[in-house]
């Protein structure tokens, strides 16, 4: 590639010859000589950049984005409404608020809530047999499936709720309900002795805190959040009830982390249906 000589300037002086005037410097300096790159530097001429072929696309898909569309049909016994940026779902089991900006933080999904009330049913004074529907569209497939799964999970929670079971294994290990109100919001060790003679099983009354006796010198009190309640069927089996499954699973994992199952004996707190792989102790004599 030929090199172009820069425009003469009296502000830039040559560092090799230090000529008193720029015109004399231009005649003596080899930096401003005209020629090709290889003749001046003594190196071989570099190969040119490869020419990339343009991507060919069909005319029908050119400039178009594929959208993933879905319809969420709410059951007749569920009420759906938009409260600002929150989707409020009310059913037989309770009410769930889904904040759409948290559900779609990147803003790749569009929502639209439509009512399905029939004019004939309203005129006759009858309740509509179908509920409202929500239209969802997004260009991102993963984000679309995530939003759709979260809404469907909340619908099931509003209609019947979710149960997550916890069981305990070990000599003297127990999961007991606490009917008294607990002022603290984080797990803590209980001070002093407690009376357990008034606890009858199965304990069907929902409680807001549980007592864990899992091998420590003192019992652990775990207060439950307001949207989660516990039912105790027997001293070693307890169920958590709530409207949002991810929330229940998070609380269950926190309770399990207080005394994780031992890898050799299996003693500890574990989820109902969880499989624990036990390690075999070494039989080698030391």
Protein backbone atom coordinates (compact mmCIF):
# COMPACT_ATOMS: atom_id res chain seq x y z
CA UNK A 1 0.00 0.00 0.00
CA UNK A 2 1.52 3.41 -0.89
CA UNK A 3 2.19 5.76 1.99
CA UNK A 4 1.04 9.33 1.75
CA UNK A 5 3.40 12.01 3.02
CA UNK A 6 1.92 14.27 5.67
CA UNK A 7 1.34 17.92 4.93
CA UNK A 8 4.44 20.06 5.69
CA UNK A 9 4.29 21.72 9.09
CA UNK A 10 6.90 23.86 10.79
CA UNK A 11 5.65 22.74 14.18
CA UNK A 12 6.96 19.13 13.71
CA UNK A 13 10.74 18.76 13.50
CA UNK A 14 12.64 15.61 12.55
CA UNK A 15 14.24 13.80 15.47
CA UNK A 16 17.02 12.18 13.37
CA UNK A 17 18.72 15.05 11.53
CA UNK A 18 17.56 18.06 13.58
CA UNK A 19 17.72 20.27 10.47
CA UNK A 20 17.47 24.03 11.07
CA UNK A 21 14.60 24.40 8.62
CA UNK A 22 11.77 22.03 7.66
CA UNK A 23 12.36 22.10 3.87
CA UNK A 24 15.96 20.92 4.37
CA UNK A 25 14.73 18.23 6.77
CA UNK A 26 12.26 16.94 4.20
CA UNK A 27 15.11 16.52 1.69
CA UNK A 28 17.45 14.71 4.13
CA UNK A 29 15.03 12.58 6.21
CA UNK A 30 14.10 9.12 4.92
CA UNK A 31 10.80 9.18 6.90
CA UNK A 32 9.13 11.43 4.36
CA UNK A 33 10.33 9.59 1.24
CA UNK A 34 7.70 8.45 -1.16
CA UNK A 35 7.36 4.73 -1.93
CA UNK A 36 5.59 1.53 -1.00
CA UNK A 37 5.42 -0.03 2.46
CA UNK A 38 7.83 -2.85 1.59
CA UNK A 39 10.46 -0.56 0.04
CA UNK A 40 10.51 1.74 3.06
CA UNK A 41 10.26 -0.81 5.92
CA UNK A 42 12.05 -3.72 4.29
CA UNK A 43 9.21 -6.08 5.25
CA UNK A 44 7.02 -8.10 2.89
CA UNK A 45 3.76 -6.61 1.77
CA UNK A 46 0.89 -7.79 4.05
CA UNK A 47 -1.93 -9.78 2.56
CA UNK A 48 -5.18 -7.92 1.96
CA UNK A 49 -8.23 -8.42 4.17
CA UNK A 50 -10.52 -11.23 2.99
CA UNK A 51 -13.72 -10.19 1.26
CA UNK A 52 -16.74 -11.51 3.20
CA UNK A 53 -19.74 -12.61 1.25
CA UNK A 54 -23.03 -10.94 2.28
CA UNK A 55 -25.57 -13.07 4.18
CA UNK A 56 -28.43 -14.11 1.96
CA UNK A 57 -31.89 -14.23 3.53
CA UNK A 58 -35.28 -14.90 2.05
CA UNK A 59 -37.37 -11.90 1.20
CA UNK A 60 -40.29 -12.98 3.40
CA UNK A 61 -38.15 -13.06 6.59
CA UNK A 62 -35.90 -10.13 5.81
CA UNK A 63 -36.07 -7.44 8.50
CA UNK A 64 -38.68 -9.34 10.54
CA UNK A 65 -38.41 -10.57 14.18
CA UNK A 66 -40.00 -13.84 15.27
CA UNK A 67 -42.40 -13.25 18.17
CA UNK A 68 -43.49 -15.89 20.66
CA UNK A 69 -47.17 -15.44 21.51
CA UNK A 70 -49.19 -17.06 24.27
CA UNK A 71 -52.62 -16.85 25.88
CA UNK A 72 -53.21 -17.38 29.61
CA UNK A 73 -56.82 -18.35 30.32
CA UNK A 74 -57.84 -17.69 33.91
CA UNK A 75 -60.34 -20.12 35.45
CA UNK A 76 -63.87 -18.84 36.19
CA UNK A 77 -63.32 -18.75 39.96
CA UNK A 78 -60.30 -16.45 39.72
CA UNK A 79 -60.33 -12.66 39.43
CA UNK A 80 -57.51 -10.87 37.61
CA UNK A 81 -56.87 -7.12 37.58
CA UNK A 82 -54.03 -4.70 36.91
CA UNK A 83 -53.03 -2.41 39.78
CA UNK A 84 -50.44 -0.09 38.26
CA UNK A 85 -47.56 -2.36 37.26
CA UNK A 86 -48.80 -5.32 39.34
CA UNK A 87 -51.03 -8.19 38.28
CA UNK A 88 -53.40 -9.05 41.15
CA UNK A 89 -54.82 -12.59 41.16
CA UNK A 90 -57.56 -13.48 43.67
CA UNK A 91 -58.89 -17.01 44.04
CA UNK A 92 -60.34 -19.43 46.56
CA UNK A 93 -57.03 -19.89 48.38
CA UNK A 94 -55.95 -16.24 48.54
CA UNK A 95 -54.47 -13.30 46.63
CA UNK A 96 -51.12 -13.04 44.85
CA UNK A 97 -49.53 -9.86 43.51
CA UNK A 98 -47.13 -10.28 40.61
CA UNK A 99 -45.01 -7.20 39.87
CA UNK A 100 -44.54 -7.21 36.12
CA UNK A 101 -41.24 -5.21 36.14
CA UNK A 102 -39.74 -7.89 38.44
CA UNK A 103 -41.27 -10.64 36.35
CA UNK A 104 -39.72 -9.17 33.19
CA UNK A 105 -36.73 -7.05 34.30
CA UNK A 106 -35.23 -6.75 30.79
CA UNK A 107 -38.50 -5.50 29.25
CA UNK A 108 -38.75 -8.14 26.50
CA UNK A 109 -42.36 -9.13 27.14
CA UNK A 110 -45.64 -7.33 26.47
CA UNK A 111 -48.84 -8.02 28.44
CA UNK A 112 -52.48 -7.25 27.76
CA UNK A 113 -55.41 -8.23 29.98
CA UNK A 114 -58.78 -8.80 28.29
CA UNK A 115 -62.15 -9.50 29.93
CA UNK A 116 -64.33 -12.36 28.74
CA UNK A 117 -67.74 -11.31 30.15
CA UNK A 118 -70.54 -12.06 27.72
CA UNK A 119 -73.26 -9.51 27.21
CA UNK A 120 -75.95 -12.18 27.18
CA UNK A 121 -74.88 -13.51 30.58
CA UNK A 122 -74.74 -10.01 32.06
CA UNK A 123 -78.22 -9.17 30.72
CA UNK A 124 -79.66 -12.36 32.21
CA UNK A 125 -77.93 -11.71 35.52
CA UNK A 126 -75.84 -14.88 35.27
CA UNK A 127 -72.18 -15.26 36.05
CA UNK A 128 -69.89 -15.73 33.08
CA UNK A 129 -68.66 -19.29 32.53
CA UNK A 130 -65.26 -18.10 31.37
CA UNK A 131 -62.78 -15.83 33.08
CA UNK A 132 -60.49 -13.13 31.70
CA UNK A 133 -57.50 -13.88 29.51
CA UNK A 134 -54.03 -12.37 29.25
CA UNK A 135 -52.06 -12.04 26.03
CA UNK A 136 -48.27 -12.35 26.25
CA UNK A 137 -45.75 -11.79 23.47
CA UNK A 138 -41.95 -11.63 23.49
CA UNK A 139 -39.11 -11.96 20.94
CA UNK A 140 -37.03 -13.93 23.47
CA UNK A 141 -38.10 -17.56 23.86
CA UNK A 142 -36.51 -18.15 27.28
CA UNK A 143 -38.00 -14.98 28.75
CA UNK A 144 -41.40 -15.84 27.28
CA UNK A 145 -41.40 -19.33 28.81
CA UNK A 146 -40.22 -17.99 32.19
CA UNK A 147 -43.01 -15.39 32.38
CA UNK A 148 -45.64 -17.89 31.26
CA UNK A 149 -44.55 -20.49 33.82
CA UNK A 150 -44.56 -17.93 36.66
CA UNK A 151 -48.10 -16.75 35.87
CA UNK A 152 -49.44 -20.31 35.57
CA UNK A 153 -47.79 -21.23 38.87
CA UNK A 154 -49.42 -18.24 40.60
CA UNK A 155 -52.83 -19.19 39.18
CA UNK A 156 -52.58 -22.66 40.68
CA UNK A 157 -51.44 -21.16 43.98
CA UNK A 158 -54.46 -18.83 44.13
CA UNK A 159 -56.87 -21.65 43.43
CA UNK A 160 -55.55 -24.39 45.74
CA UNK A 161 -52.12 -23.44 47.15
CA UNK A 162 -48.94 -25.51 47.49
CA UNK A 163 -47.57 -27.90 50.11
CA UNK A 164 -43.90 -28.63 50.77
CA UNK A 165 -43.12 -31.35 53.31
CA UNK A 166 -40.23 -31.59 55.75
CA UNK A 167 -39.22 -34.66 57.72
CA UNK A 168 -36.56 -35.25 60.36
CA UNK A 169 -34.49 -38.32 61.18
CA UNK A 170 -32.50 -38.88 64.35
CA UNK A 171 -32.85 -39.95 67.97
CA UNK A 172 -34.90 -37.31 69.75
CA UNK A 173 -35.22 -35.10 66.67
CA UNK A 174 -38.59 -33.32 66.43
CA UNK A 175 -40.40 -30.59 64.46
CA UNK A 176 -43.03 -29.05 66.73
CA UNK A 177 -45.58 -26.29 66.04
CA UNK A 178 -45.71 -23.14 68.18
CA UNK A 179 -49.15 -21.65 68.72
CA UNK A 180 -47.90 -18.58 70.59
CA UNK A 181 -46.94 -15.51 68.58
CA UNK A 182 -43.23 -14.87 68.09
CA UNK A 183 -42.01 -11.28 67.93
CA UNK A 184 -38.69 -12.04 66.19
CA UNK A 185 -38.44 -12.54 62.44
CA UNK A 186 -35.17 -14.53 62.26
CA UNK A 187 -34.28 -17.98 63.69
CA UNK A 188 -32.96 -17.96 67.25
CA UNK A 189 -32.14 -20.35 70.12
CA UNK A 190 -34.83 -20.73 72.76
CA UNK A 191 -33.93 -19.82 76.33
CA UNK A 192 -35.07 -22.07 79.17
CA UNK A 193 -37.41 -25.05 79.14
CA UNK A 194 -40.76 -25.37 77.38
CA UNK A 195 -43.91 -27.38 78.00
CA UNK A 196 -44.72 -29.84 75.24
CA UNK A 197 -47.47 -31.76 77.00
CA UNK A 198 -50.25 -29.71 75.36
CA UNK A 199 -49.25 -30.59 71.78
CA UNK A 200 -51.53 -33.14 70.15
CA UNK A 201 -50.97 -34.76 66.75
CA UNK A 202 -52.06 -34.37 64.05
CA UNK A 203 -51.90 -30.61 64.68
CA UNK A 204 -54.18 -29.27 61.95
CA UNK A 205 -54.26 -25.68 63.18
CA UNK A 206 -51.90 -23.48 61.09
CA UNK A 207 -49.05 -21.91 63.06
CA UNK A 208 -46.64 -19.07 62.29
CA UNK A 209 -43.52 -20.56 63.94
CA UNK A 210 -41.96 -23.99 64.49
CA UNK A 211 -39.62 -25.43 67.11
CA UNK A 212 -36.72 -27.57 65.90
CA UNK A 213 -35.06 -30.06 68.20
CA UNK A 214 -32.26 -31.38 65.99
CA UNK A 215 -29.33 -32.28 68.20
CA UNK A 216 -28.25 -28.88 69.55
CA UNK A 217 -27.95 -28.12 73.25
CA UNK A 218 -30.93 -25.77 72.87
CA UNK A 219 -33.97 -25.84 70.62
CA UNK A 220 -34.19 -23.58 67.56
CA UNK A 221 -37.21 -21.34 66.93
CA UNK A 222 -37.90 -20.58 63.26
CA UNK A 223 -40.52 -17.83 62.69
CA UNK A 224 -42.41 -18.18 59.41
CA UNK A 225 -43.17 -15.21 57.14
CA UNK A 226 -46.78 -13.94 57.02
CA UNK A 227 -47.53 -15.65 53.68
CA UNK A 228 -46.43 -19.13 54.87
CA UNK A 229 -48.10 -21.39 57.45
CA UNK A 230 -47.19 -24.81 58.87
CA UNK A 231 -49.18 -27.98 59.68
CA UNK A 232 -47.71 -30.79 61.76
CA UNK A 233 -49.04 -34.32 61.22
CA UNK A 234 -46.61 -35.98 63.64
CA UNK A 235 -43.47 -34.98 65.56
CA UNK A 236 -41.21 -35.93 62.64
CA UNK A 237 -43.36 -34.68 59.73
CA UNK A 238 -44.32 -31.08 58.97
CA UNK A 239 -45.85 -29.38 55.92
CA UNK A 240 -45.48 -25.78 54.79
CA UNK A 241 -48.43 -24.17 53.01
CA UNK A 242 -48.38 -21.10 50.77
CA UNK A 243 -49.59 -19.61 47.51
CA UNK A 244 -46.22 -19.26 45.74
CA UNK A 245 -44.16 -22.40 45.17
CA UNK A 246 -40.72 -20.71 44.81
CA UNK A 247 -41.31 -18.94 48.13
CA UNK A 248 -42.16 -22.22 49.86
CA UNK A 249 -39.12 -23.96 48.43
CA UNK A 250 -36.89 -21.13 49.65
CA UNK A 251 -38.28 -21.36 53.21
CA UNK A 252 -37.94 -25.16 53.18
CA UNK A 253 -34.30 -24.93 52.12
CA UNK A 254 -33.59 -22.44 54.92
CA UNK A 255 -35.10 -24.80 57.50
CA UNK A 256 -33.16 -27.72 56.02
CA UNK A 257 -29.90 -25.77 56.27
CA UNK A 258 -30.25 -25.59 60.08
CA UNK A 259 -29.38 -29.31 60.30
CA UNK A 260 -28.47 -30.81 56.95
CA UNK A 261 -28.62 -34.62 56.61
CA UNK A 262 -25.48 -36.38 57.74
CA UNK A 263 -23.68 -37.98 54.79
CA UNK A 264 -22.96 -41.17 56.80
CA UNK A 265 -26.08 -41.67 58.95
CA UNK A 266 -28.73 -39.53 57.21
CA UNK A 267 -29.72 -37.84 60.49
CA UNK A 268 -31.05 -34.32 60.00
CA UNK A 269 -33.79 -32.41 58.21
CA UNK A 270 -34.71 -33.35 54.67
CA UNK A 271 -37.49 -32.68 52.19
CA UNK A 272 -40.27 -35.20 51.71
CA UNK A 273 -39.34 -37.36 48.74
CA UNK A 274 -35.68 -36.32 48.82
CA UNK A 275 -33.14 -39.07 48.21
CA UNK A 276 -30.01 -38.96 50.39
CA UNK A 277 -26.95 -40.85 49.19
CA UNK A 278 -25.05 -42.14 52.19
CA UNK A 279 -21.31 -42.65 52.21
CA UNK A 280 -19.79 -45.82 53.55
CA UNK A 281 -17.46 -45.42 56.47
CA UNK A 282 -13.90 -46.56 56.03
CA UNK A 283 -13.27 -50.00 57.56
CA UNK A 284 -9.51 -49.69 57.40
CA UNK A 285 -7.82 -49.93 60.79
CA UNK A 286 -5.51 -47.08 61.69
